[in-house]
């Protein structure tokens, strides 16, 4: 069983800054982490390796500093890590990103054979589009299982699995044929702490690095030049004043009047009329 996990190094969301000239995220000098949903995908891949003896590669596209994310991923006990790093890849939107990842995964297939599962997080905390997993499924022509919260069955010999995925209004259980692409949510598992041997290996590990020339790619289809998406402008929402606080320690009559006035202020006249008998009753008590 061959598995590839696609991860992304993202800025720590407590330190996000925007370059006002380019409208891109400022990554230099900002602490970076593995995208949280991707960590769940790494944990799942680690479980597949333990249970089925899967061969697991992890891949990312990013600047030189993304190497650190791959080293951290290796601490999950995975086999190898591939770093797609080239100035030609810079400024990629999800279309150009999946183009580059597709050819990176195809090159991994030359090493280990047909890939059975491609795992990604459901979305990245910086771009937040959730498009890379579906984009890879489309390029490969694989079955897509999006927003996975539970794996109920997995049979490598029958090449099928049963997953439960989250929908807007509930859950859906489906049977998938492999090969497949799964996008993993934070509900699937909780990543474990790495053991000492894997930590030591991760510290010493140097990822495989491939450029657009190694993959035989057309630079015009990579990065900024291969991206039809353009960020025209960005803005930071103005700070909002906090609302009125109704304390549980206040006199019930005063608290009820405050609530009624607050609802009126927001135009909830019908709600006020519906609540008035209840509030009036509490005041009388």
C-alpha atoms as a PDB file:
ATOM      1  CA  UNK A   1       0.000   0.000   0.000  1.00  0.00           C
ATOM      2  CA  UNK A   2       1.498   3.324  -1.115  1.00  0.00           C
ATOM      3  CA  UNK A   3       0.422   6.597   0.475  1.00  0.00           C
ATOM      4  CA  UNK A   4       1.359  10.234  -0.154  1.00  0.00           C
ATOM      5  CA  UNK A   5       0.533  12.990   2.329  1.00  0.00           C
ATOM      6  CA  UNK A   6       0.424  16.559   1.017  1.00  0.00           C
ATOM      7  CA  UNK A   7       1.194  19.118   3.704  1.00  0.00           C
ATOM      8  CA  UNK A   8       1.666  22.856   3.835  1.00  0.00           C
ATOM      9  CA  UNK A   9       3.771  25.025   6.092  1.00  0.00           C
ATOM     10  CA  UNK A  10       1.615  27.961   7.171  1.00  0.00           C
ATOM     11  CA  UNK A  11       2.180  31.063   9.284  1.00  0.00           C
ATOM     12  CA  UNK A  12       1.200  30.732  12.918  1.00  0.00           C
ATOM     13  CA  UNK A  13      -2.287  32.275  12.827  1.00  0.00           C
ATOM     14  CA  UNK A  14      -1.438  34.482  15.804  1.00  0.00           C
ATOM     15  CA  UNK A  15       1.219  36.236  13.688  1.00  0.00           C
ATOM     16  CA  UNK A  16      -0.456  36.831  10.314  1.00  0.00           C
ATOM     17  CA  UNK A  17       0.645  39.947   8.406  1.00  0.00           C
ATOM     18  CA  UNK A  18      -0.214  41.184   4.895  1.00  0.00           C
ATOM     19  CA  UNK A  19       2.206  42.856   2.465  1.00  0.00           C
ATOM     20  CA  UNK A  20       0.222  45.941   1.424  1.00  0.00           C
ATOM     21  CA  UNK A  21       2.072  46.214  -1.907  1.00  0.00           C
ATOM     22  CA  UNK A  22       1.627  42.631  -3.119  1.00  0.00           C
ATOM     23  CA  UNK A  23      -1.473  41.687  -1.060  1.00  0.00           C
ATOM     24  CA  UNK A  24       0.266  38.416  -0.185  1.00  0.00           C
ATOM     25  CA  UNK A  25       0.926  36.914   3.227  1.00  0.00           C
ATOM     26  CA  UNK A  26       4.241  37.924   4.747  1.00  0.00           C
ATOM     27  CA  UNK A  27       6.035  34.684   5.564  1.00  0.00           C
ATOM     28  CA  UNK A  28       9.575  35.885   6.210  1.00  0.00           C
ATOM     29  CA  UNK A  29      10.321  36.255   9.897  1.00  0.00           C
ATOM     30  CA  UNK A  30       6.925  34.849  10.884  1.00  0.00           C
ATOM     31  CA  UNK A  31       6.853  31.619  12.958  1.00  0.00           C
ATOM     32  CA  UNK A  32       5.561  28.752  10.832  1.00  0.00           C
ATOM     33  CA  UNK A  33       3.836  25.475  11.650  1.00  0.00           C
ATOM     34  CA  UNK A  34       2.438  22.450   9.821  1.00  0.00           C
ATOM     35  CA  UNK A  35      -1.132  23.217   8.847  1.00  0.00           C
ATOM     36  CA  UNK A  36      -3.219  21.701  11.698  1.00  0.00           C
ATOM     37  CA  UNK A  37      -5.515  19.582   9.488  1.00  0.00           C
ATOM     38  CA  UNK A  38      -2.434  18.237   7.689  1.00  0.00           C
ATOM     39  CA  UNK A  39      -1.127  16.933  11.017  1.00  0.00           C
ATOM     40  CA  UNK A  40      -4.258  14.750  11.236  1.00  0.00           C
ATOM     41  CA  UNK A  41      -3.475  13.424   7.760  1.00  0.00           C
ATOM     42  CA  UNK A  42       0.084  12.634   8.901  1.00  0.00           C
ATOM     43  CA  UNK A  43      -1.223  10.797  11.956  1.00  0.00           C
ATOM     44  CA  UNK A  44      -3.593   8.740   9.804  1.00  0.00           C
ATOM     45  CA  UNK A  45      -0.744   7.885   7.413  1.00  0.00           C
ATOM     46  CA  UNK A  46       1.370   6.810  10.388  1.00  0.00           C
ATOM     47  CA  UNK A  47      -1.447   4.481  11.488  1.00  0.00           C
ATOM     48  CA  UNK A  48      -1.638   3.001   7.987  1.00  0.00           C
ATOM     49  CA  UNK A  49       2.082   2.317   8.095  1.00  0.00           C
ATOM     50  CA  UNK A  50       1.772   0.575  11.464  1.00  0.00           C
ATOM     51  CA  UNK A  51      -1.309  -1.454  10.539  1.00  0.00           C
ATOM     52  CA  UNK A  52      -0.686  -2.368   6.891  1.00  0.00           C
ATOM     53  CA  UNK A  53       3.033  -1.731   6.413  1.00  0.00           C
ATOM     54  CA  UNK A  54       2.246   1.107   4.008  1.00  0.00           C
ATOM     55  CA  UNK A  55       5.028   3.002   2.289  1.00  0.00           C
ATOM     56  CA  UNK A  56       4.384   6.669   3.102  1.00  0.00           C
ATOM     57  CA  UNK A  57       5.891   9.725   1.432  1.00  0.00           C
ATOM     58  CA  UNK A  58       5.150  13.285   2.510  1.00  0.00           C
ATOM     59  CA  UNK A  59       5.361  16.129   0.005  1.00  0.00           C
ATOM     60  CA  UNK A  60       5.132  19.901   0.163  1.00  0.00           C
ATOM     61  CA  UNK A  61       5.617  22.813  -2.194  1.00  0.00           C
ATOM     62  CA  UNK A  62       7.190  25.873  -0.620  1.00  0.00           C
ATOM     63  CA  UNK A  63      10.228  28.080  -0.005  1.00  0.00           C
ATOM     64  CA  UNK A  64      13.448  26.752   1.568  1.00  0.00           C
ATOM     65  CA  UNK A  65      12.102  27.209   5.109  1.00  0.00           C
ATOM     66  CA  UNK A  66       9.337  24.655   4.384  1.00  0.00           C
ATOM     67  CA  UNK A  67      12.037  22.015   4.855  1.00  0.00           C
ATOM     68  CA  UNK A  68      11.429  22.309   8.596  1.00  0.00           C
ATOM     69  CA  UNK A  69       7.795  21.223   8.169  1.00  0.00           C
ATOM     70  CA  UNK A  70       8.961  18.128   6.303  1.00  0.00           C
ATOM     71  CA  UNK A  71      11.457  17.273   9.036  1.00  0.00           C
ATOM     72  CA  UNK A  72       8.652  17.562  11.595  1.00  0.00           C
ATOM     73  CA  UNK A  73       6.502  15.298   9.401  1.00  0.00           C
ATOM     74  CA  UNK A  74       9.203  12.636   9.294  1.00  0.00           C
ATOM     75  CA  UNK A  75       8.916  12.463  13.105  1.00  0.00           C
ATOM     76  CA  UNK A  76       5.562  10.710  12.522  1.00  0.00           C
ATOM     77  CA  UNK A  77       7.600   7.686  11.404  1.00  0.00           C
ATOM     78  CA  UNK A  78       7.111   8.149   7.662  1.00  0.00           C
ATOM     79  CA  UNK A  79       9.497   6.895   4.990  1.00  0.00           C
ATOM     80  CA  UNK A  80      10.614   9.875   2.904  1.00  0.00           C
ATOM     81  CA  UNK A  81       9.874  13.562   2.384  1.00  0.00           C
ATOM     82  CA  UNK A  82       9.902  15.508  -0.890  1.00  0.00           C
ATOM     83  CA  UNK A  83      10.344  19.270  -1.046  1.00  0.00           C
ATOM     84  CA  UNK A  84       9.187  20.972  -4.255  1.00  0.00           C
ATOM     85  CA  UNK A  85      11.178  24.185  -3.994  1.00  0.00           C
ATOM     86  CA  UNK A  86      11.905  26.597  -6.828  1.00  0.00           C
ATOM     87  CA  UNK A  87      11.427  30.300  -7.495  1.00  0.00           C
ATOM     88  CA  UNK A  88       9.253  29.189 -10.422  1.00  0.00           C
ATOM     89  CA  UNK A  89       6.727  27.809  -7.903  1.00  0.00           C
ATOM     90  CA  UNK A  90       6.315  31.109  -6.001  1.00  0.00           C
ATOM     91  CA  UNK A  91       2.967  32.904  -5.998  1.00  0.00           C
ATOM     92  CA  UNK A  92       0.949  29.824  -6.963  1.00  0.00           C
ATOM     93  CA  UNK A  93      -2.801  29.665  -6.547  1.00  0.00           C
ATOM     94  CA  UNK A  94      -4.546  26.314  -6.070  1.00  0.00           C
ATOM     95  CA  UNK A  95      -4.586  25.542  -9.810  1.00  0.00           C
ATOM     96  CA  UNK A  96      -0.814  25.967 -10.158  1.00  0.00           C
ATOM     97  CA  UNK A  97      -0.234  24.260  -6.806  1.00  0.00           C
ATOM     98  CA  UNK A  98      -2.108  21.107  -7.822  1.00  0.00           C
ATOM     99  CA  UNK A  99      -0.299  21.119 -11.169  1.00  0.00           C
ATOM    100  CA  UNK A 100       3.079  21.042  -9.425  1.00  0.00           C
ATOM    101  CA  UNK A 101       1.995  18.575  -6.731  1.00  0.00           C
ATOM    102  CA  UNK A 102       0.530  16.281  -9.393  1.00  0.00           C
ATOM    103  CA  UNK A 103       3.853  15.986 -11.190  1.00  0.00           C
ATOM    104  CA  UNK A 104       5.729  15.662  -7.907  1.00  0.00           C
ATOM    105  CA  UNK A 105       3.509  12.715  -6.932  1.00  0.00           C
ATOM    106  CA  UNK A 106       3.929  11.205 -10.404  1.00  0.00           C
ATOM    107  CA  UNK A 107       7.696  11.290  -9.866  1.00  0.00           C
ATOM    108  CA  UNK A 108       7.247   9.565  -6.482  1.00  0.00           C
ATOM    109  CA  UNK A 109       5.302   6.854  -8.329  1.00  0.00           C
ATOM    110  CA  UNK A 110       8.411   6.226 -10.419  1.00  0.00           C
ATOM    111  CA  UNK A 111      10.163   5.281  -7.173  1.00  0.00           C
ATOM    112  CA  UNK A 112       7.541   3.238  -5.290  1.00  0.00           C
ATOM    113  CA  UNK A 113       4.803   2.362  -7.773  1.00  0.00           C
ATOM    114  CA  UNK A 114       1.117   3.296  -8.055  1.00  0.00           C
ATOM    115  CA  UNK A 115      -0.201   5.490  -5.236  1.00  0.00           C
ATOM    116  CA  UNK A 116      -3.246   4.051  -3.454  1.00  0.00           C
ATOM    117  CA  UNK A 117      -4.116   7.009  -1.215  1.00  0.00           C
ATOM    118  CA  UNK A 118      -3.371  10.716  -1.350  1.00  0.00           C
ATOM    119  CA  UNK A 119      -4.099  12.500   1.925  1.00  0.00           C
ATOM    120  CA  UNK A 120      -4.466  16.216   2.554  1.00  0.00           C
ATOM    121  CA  UNK A 121      -5.930  18.364   5.299  1.00  0.00           C
ATOM    122  CA  UNK A 122      -9.425  19.632   4.487  1.00  0.00           C
ATOM    123  CA  UNK A 123      -8.089  23.178   4.122  1.00  0.00           C
ATOM    124  CA  UNK A 124      -5.151  25.391   5.031  1.00  0.00           C
ATOM    125  CA  UNK A 125      -5.488  28.097   7.660  1.00  0.00           C
ATOM    126  CA  UNK A 126      -3.873  30.719   5.410  1.00  0.00           C
ATOM    127  CA  UNK A 127      -5.625  30.255   2.035  1.00  0.00           C
ATOM    128  CA  UNK A 128      -8.678  28.484   3.518  1.00  0.00           C
ATOM    129  CA  UNK A 129      -9.967  27.387   0.083  1.00  0.00           C
ATOM    130  CA  UNK A 130     -10.138  23.611   0.564  1.00  0.00           C
ATOM    131  CA  UNK A 131      -9.395  23.173  -3.156  1.00  0.00           C
ATOM    132  CA  UNK A 132      -6.086  21.279  -3.254  1.00  0.00           C
ATOM    133  CA  UNK A 133      -7.526  17.868  -2.360  1.00  0.00           C
ATOM    134  CA  UNK A 134     -10.371  18.052  -4.908  1.00  0.00           C
ATOM    135  CA  UNK A 135      -7.941  19.494  -7.475  1.00  0.00           C
ATOM    136  CA  UNK A 136      -5.583  16.533  -7.087  1.00  0.00           C
ATOM    137  CA  UNK A 137      -8.492  14.074  -7.308  1.00  0.00           C
ATOM    138  CA  UNK A 138      -9.543  15.718 -10.574  1.00  0.00           C
ATOM    139  CA  UNK A 139      -6.033  15.645 -12.061  1.00  0.00           C
ATOM    140  CA  UNK A 140      -5.480  11.992 -11.140  1.00  0.00           C
ATOM    141  CA  UNK A 141      -9.038  10.889 -11.872  1.00  0.00           C
ATOM    142  CA  UNK A 142      -9.251   9.392  -8.371  1.00  0.00           C
ATOM    143  CA  UNK A 143     -12.266   8.967  -6.097  1.00  0.00           C
ATOM    144  CA  UNK A 144     -12.619  11.916  -3.703  1.00  0.00           C
ATOM    145  CA  UNK A 145     -13.604  11.602  -0.051  1.00  0.00           C
ATOM    146  CA  UNK A 146     -13.841  15.137   1.338  1.00  0.00           C
ATOM    147  CA  UNK A 147     -14.168  16.266   4.978  1.00  0.00           C
ATOM    148  CA  UNK A 148     -13.448  12.834   6.456  1.00  0.00           C
ATOM    149  CA  UNK A 149     -14.287  12.493  10.157  1.00  0.00           C
ATOM    150  CA  UNK A 150     -14.065   8.707  10.525  1.00  0.00           C
ATOM    151  CA  UNK A 151     -12.710   5.635   8.729  1.00  0.00           C
ATOM    152  CA  UNK A 152     -15.010   2.662   9.379  1.00  0.00           C
ATOM    153  CA  UNK A 153     -13.455   0.116   7.015  1.00  0.00           C
ATOM    154  CA  UNK A 154     -10.286  -0.099   4.958  1.00  0.00           C
ATOM    155  CA  UNK A 155      -9.394  -3.174   2.900  1.00  0.00           C
ATOM    156  CA  UNK A 156      -6.219  -2.785   0.795  1.00  0.00           C
ATOM    157  CA  UNK A 157      -6.775  -6.169  -0.888  1.00  0.00           C
ATOM    158  CA  UNK A 158     -10.305  -5.316  -2.050  1.00  0.00           C
ATOM    159  CA  UNK A 159      -9.076  -1.754  -2.679  1.00  0.00           C
ATOM    160  CA  UNK A 160     -12.067  -0.169  -0.994  1.00  0.00           C
ATOM    161  CA  UNK A 161     -12.921   1.716   2.168  1.00  0.00           C
ATOM    162  CA  UNK A 162     -15.909   3.058   4.065  1.00  0.00           C
ATOM    163  CA  UNK A 163     -15.665   6.621   5.370  1.00  0.00           C
ATOM    164  CA  UNK A 164     -17.909   9.031   7.218  1.00  0.00           C
ATOM    165  CA  UNK A 165     -17.686  12.621   6.059  1.00  0.00           C
ATOM    166  CA  UNK A 166     -19.117  15.855   7.365  1.00  0.00           C
ATOM    167  CA  UNK A 167     -21.758  17.719   5.398  1.00  0.00           C
ATOM    168  CA  UNK A 168     -23.311  21.123   6.064  1.00  0.00           C
ATOM    169  CA  UNK A 169     -26.239  19.410   7.791  1.00  0.00           C
ATOM    170  CA  UNK A 170     -25.012  16.180   9.293  1.00  0.00           C
ATOM    171  CA  UNK A 171     -22.854  13.285   8.091  1.00  0.00           C
ATOM    172  CA  UNK A 172     -22.680  10.900   5.151  1.00  0.00           C
ATOM    173  CA  UNK A 173     -21.324   7.337   5.101  1.00  0.00           C
ATOM    174  CA  UNK A 174     -19.952   6.251   1.726  1.00  0.00           C
ATOM    175  CA  UNK A 175     -17.985   3.335   0.298  1.00  0.00           C
ATOM    176  CA  UNK A 176     -15.022   4.411  -1.837  1.00  0.00           C
ATOM    177  CA  UNK A 177     -12.892   2.584  -4.343  1.00  0.00           C
ATOM    178  CA  UNK A 178      -9.142   3.070  -4.236  1.00  0.00           C
ATOM    179  CA  UNK A 179      -7.081   4.823  -5.449  1.00  0.00           C
ATOM    180  CA  UNK A 180      -8.614   7.801  -3.695  1.00  0.00           C
ATOM    181  CA  UNK A 181      -7.912  11.272  -2.360  1.00  0.00           C
ATOM    182  CA  UNK A 182      -9.074  11.998   1.192  1.00  0.00           C
ATOM    183  CA  UNK A 183      -9.245  15.421   2.817  1.00  0.00           C
ATOM    184  CA  UNK A 184      -8.934  15.011   6.569  1.00  0.00           C
ATOM    185  CA  UNK A 185     -10.661  17.022   9.299  1.00  0.00           C
ATOM    186  CA  UNK A 186      -9.512  17.600  12.860  1.00  0.00           C
ATOM    187  CA  UNK A 187     -12.247  15.193  14.024  1.00  0.00           C
ATOM    188  CA  UNK A 188     -10.516  12.109  12.595  1.00  0.00           C
ATOM    189  CA  UNK A 189      -7.805  11.743  15.227  1.00  0.00           C
ATOM    190  CA  UNK A 190      -5.433  13.458  17.608  1.00  0.00           C
ATOM    191  CA  UNK A 191      -1.750  13.423  16.572  1.00  0.00           C
ATOM    192  CA  UNK A 192       0.504  11.568  18.997  1.00  0.00           C
ATOM    193  CA  UNK A 193       3.835  12.757  20.318  1.00  0.00           C
ATOM    194  CA  UNK A 194       6.739  11.323  18.356  1.00  0.00           C
ATOM    195  CA  UNK A 195       8.907   8.705  20.017  1.00  0.00           C
ATOM    196  CA  UNK A 196      12.622   9.294  20.580  1.00  0.00           C
ATOM    197  CA  UNK A 197      14.003   7.279  17.603  1.00  0.00           C
ATOM    198  CA  UNK A 198      11.724   9.125  15.160  1.00  0.00           C
ATOM    199  CA  UNK A 199      12.589  12.479  16.722  1.00  0.00           C
ATOM    200  CA  UNK A 200      16.297  11.799  16.316  1.00  0.00           C
ATOM    201  CA  UNK A 201      15.781  10.684  12.705  1.00  0.00           C
ATOM    202  CA  UNK A 202      13.725  13.812  11.982  1.00  0.00           C
ATOM    203  CA  UNK A 203      16.461  16.096  13.316  1.00  0.00           C
ATOM    204  CA  UNK A 204      19.067  14.442  11.087  1.00  0.00           C
ATOM    205  CA  UNK A 205      16.833  13.998   8.048  1.00  0.00           C
ATOM    206  CA  UNK A 206      17.318  16.003   4.843  1.00  0.00           C
ATOM    207  CA  UNK A 207      14.330  16.011   2.465  1.00  0.00           C
ATOM    208  CA  UNK A 208      14.583  15.215  -1.234  1.00  0.00           C
ATOM    209  CA  UNK A 209      14.463  18.509  -3.185  1.00  0.00           C
ATOM    210  CA  UNK A 210      12.994  18.759  -6.679  1.00  0.00           C
ATOM    211  CA  UNK A 211      12.805  21.869  -8.883  1.00  0.00           C
ATOM    212  CA  UNK A 212      10.689  22.481 -11.980  1.00  0.00           C
ATOM    213  CA  UNK A 213      13.581  21.138 -14.069  1.00  0.00           C
ATOM    214  CA  UNK A 214      13.655  17.886 -12.065  1.00  0.00           C
ATOM    215  CA  UNK A 215       9.943  17.451 -12.784  1.00  0.00           C
ATOM    216  CA  UNK A 216      10.205  18.571 -16.410  1.00  0.00           C
ATOM    217  CA  UNK A 217       7.614  21.315 -15.917  1.00  0.00           C
ATOM    218  CA  UNK A 218       6.782  24.343 -18.013  1.00  0.00           C
ATOM    219  CA  UNK A 219       7.537  27.420 -15.807  1.00  0.00           C
ATOM    220  CA  UNK A 220       4.595  29.220 -17.437  1.00  0.00           C
ATOM    221  CA  UNK A 221       2.235  26.691 -15.809  1.00  0.00           C
ATOM    222  CA  UNK A 222       3.831  26.995 -12.359  1.00  0.00           C
ATOM    223  CA  UNK A 223       3.692  29.612  -9.639  1.00  0.00           C
ATOM    224  CA  UNK A 224       2.512  33.131 -10.394  1.00  0.00           C
ATOM    225  CA  UNK A 225       2.542  32.730 -14.177  1.00  0.00           C
ATOM    226  CA  UNK A 226       0.444  29.568 -14.040  1.00  0.00           C
ATOM    227  CA  UNK A 227      -2.130  31.113 -11.695  1.00  0.00           C
ATOM    228  CA  UNK A 228      -5.253  32.767 -13.135  1.00  0.00           C
ATOM    229  CA  UNK A 229      -6.219  33.993  -9.653  1.00  0.00           C
ATOM    230  CA  UNK A 230      -5.174  37.509  -8.666  1.00  0.00           C
ATOM    231  CA  UNK A 231      -5.567  39.183  -5.265  1.00  0.00           C
ATOM    232  CA  UNK A 232      -6.833  42.652  -6.179  1.00  0.00           C
ATOM    233  CA  UNK A 233      -7.063  44.077  -2.669  1.00  0.00           C
ATOM    234  CA  UNK A 234      -7.256  43.116   0.977  1.00  0.00           C
ATOM    235  CA  UNK A 235      -8.511  44.936   4.032  1.00  0.00           C
ATOM    236  CA  UNK A 236      -8.642  44.471   7.754  1.00  0.00           C
ATOM    237  CA  UNK A 237     -12.155  44.817   9.204  1.00  0.00           C
ATOM    238  CA  UNK A 238     -12.443  47.751  11.606  1.00  0.00           C
ATOM    239  CA  UNK A 239     -12.503  46.964  15.286  1.00  0.00           C
ATOM    240  CA  UNK A 240     -16.032  46.694  16.640  1.00  0.00           C
ATOM    241  CA  UNK A 241     -17.198  48.118  19.914  1.00  0.00           C
ATOM    242  CA  UNK A 242     -18.316  45.500  22.395  1.00  0.00           C
ATOM    243  CA  UNK A 243     -22.004  45.211  23.102  1.00  0.00           C
ATOM    244  CA  UNK A 244     -23.799  45.975  26.337  1.00  0.00           C
ATOM    245  CA  UNK A 245     -23.124  43.437  29.062  1.00  0.00           C
ATOM    246  CA  UNK A 246     -26.038  42.144  31.065  1.00  0.00           C
ATOM    247  CA  UNK A 247     -24.710  40.752  34.295  1.00  0.00           C
ATOM    248  CA  UNK A 248     -26.373  37.863  36.066  1.00  0.00           C
ATOM    249  CA  UNK A 249     -25.806  39.803  39.289  1.00  0.00           C
ATOM    250  CA  UNK A 250     -28.049  42.669  38.188  1.00  0.00           C
ATOM    251  CA  UNK A 251     -31.579  43.196  39.403  1.00  0.00           C
ATOM    252  CA  UNK A 252     -33.817  40.967  37.187  1.00  0.00           C
ATOM    253  CA  UNK A 253     -36.080  43.890  36.295  1.00  0.00           C
ATOM    254  CA  UNK A 254     -33.127  46.010  35.175  1.00  0.00           C
ATOM    255  CA  UNK A 255     -31.612  43.098  33.253  1.00  0.00           C
ATOM    256  CA  UNK A 256     -34.911  42.447  31.457  1.00  0.00           C
ATOM    257  CA  UNK A 257     -35.244  46.107  30.426  1.00  0.00           C
ATOM    258  CA  UNK A 258     -31.646  46.103  29.122  1.00  0.00           C
ATOM    259  CA  UNK A 259     -32.339  43.000  27.058  1.00  0.00           C
ATOM    260  CA  UNK A 260     -35.513  44.500  25.568  1.00  0.00           C
ATOM    261  CA  UNK A 261     -33.720  47.733  24.637  1.00  0.00           C
ATOM    262  CA  UNK A 262     -30.798  45.824  23.101  1.00  0.00           C
ATOM    263  CA  UNK A 263     -33.182  43.760  20.964  1.00  0.00           C
ATOM    264  CA  UNK A 264     -35.046  46.874  19.834  1.00  0.00           C
ATOM    265  CA  UNK A 265     -31.758  48.474  18.836  1.00  0.00           C
ATOM    266  CA  UNK A 266     -31.158  45.621  16.385  1.00  0.00           C
ATOM    267  CA  UNK A 267     -34.688  45.745  14.986  1.00  0.00           C
ATOM    268  CA  UNK A 268     -35.881  42.553  16.634  1.00  0.00           C
ATOM    269  CA  UNK A 269     -39.316  43.995  17.337  1.00  0.00           C
ATOM    270  CA  UNK A 270     -41.242  40.740  16.811  1.00  0.00           C
ATOM    271  CA  UNK A 271     -38.835  38.865  19.060  1.00  0.00           C
ATOM    272  CA  UNK A 272     -39.270  41.539  21.739  1.00  0.00           C
ATOM    273  CA  UNK A 273     -43.042  41.203  21.570  1.00  0.00           C
ATOM    274  CA  UNK A 274     -42.771  37.417  21.825  1.00  0.00           C
ATOM    275  CA  UNK A 275     -40.412  37.614  24.798  1.00  0.00           C
ATOM    276  CA  UNK A 276     -42.171  40.433  26.634  1.00  0.00           C
ATOM    277  CA  UNK A 277     -44.738  38.218  28.446  1.00  0.00           C
ATOM    278  CA  UNK A 278     -41.923  35.934  29.618  1.00  0.00           C
ATOM    279  CA  UNK A 279     -39.737  38.821  30.750  1.00  0.00           C
ATOM    280  CA  UNK A 280     -42.654  40.604  32.389  1.00  0.00           C
ATOM    281  CA  UNK A 281     -43.488  37.383  34.222  1.00  0.00           C
ATOM    282  CA  UNK A 282     -39.912  37.069  35.526  1.00  0.00           C
ATOM    283  CA  UNK A 283     -39.995  40.660  36.731  1.00  0.00           C
ATOM    284  CA  UNK A 284     -43.237  40.075  38.614  1.00  0.00           C
ATOM    285  CA  UNK A 285     -41.789  37.023  40.313  1.00  0.00           C
END
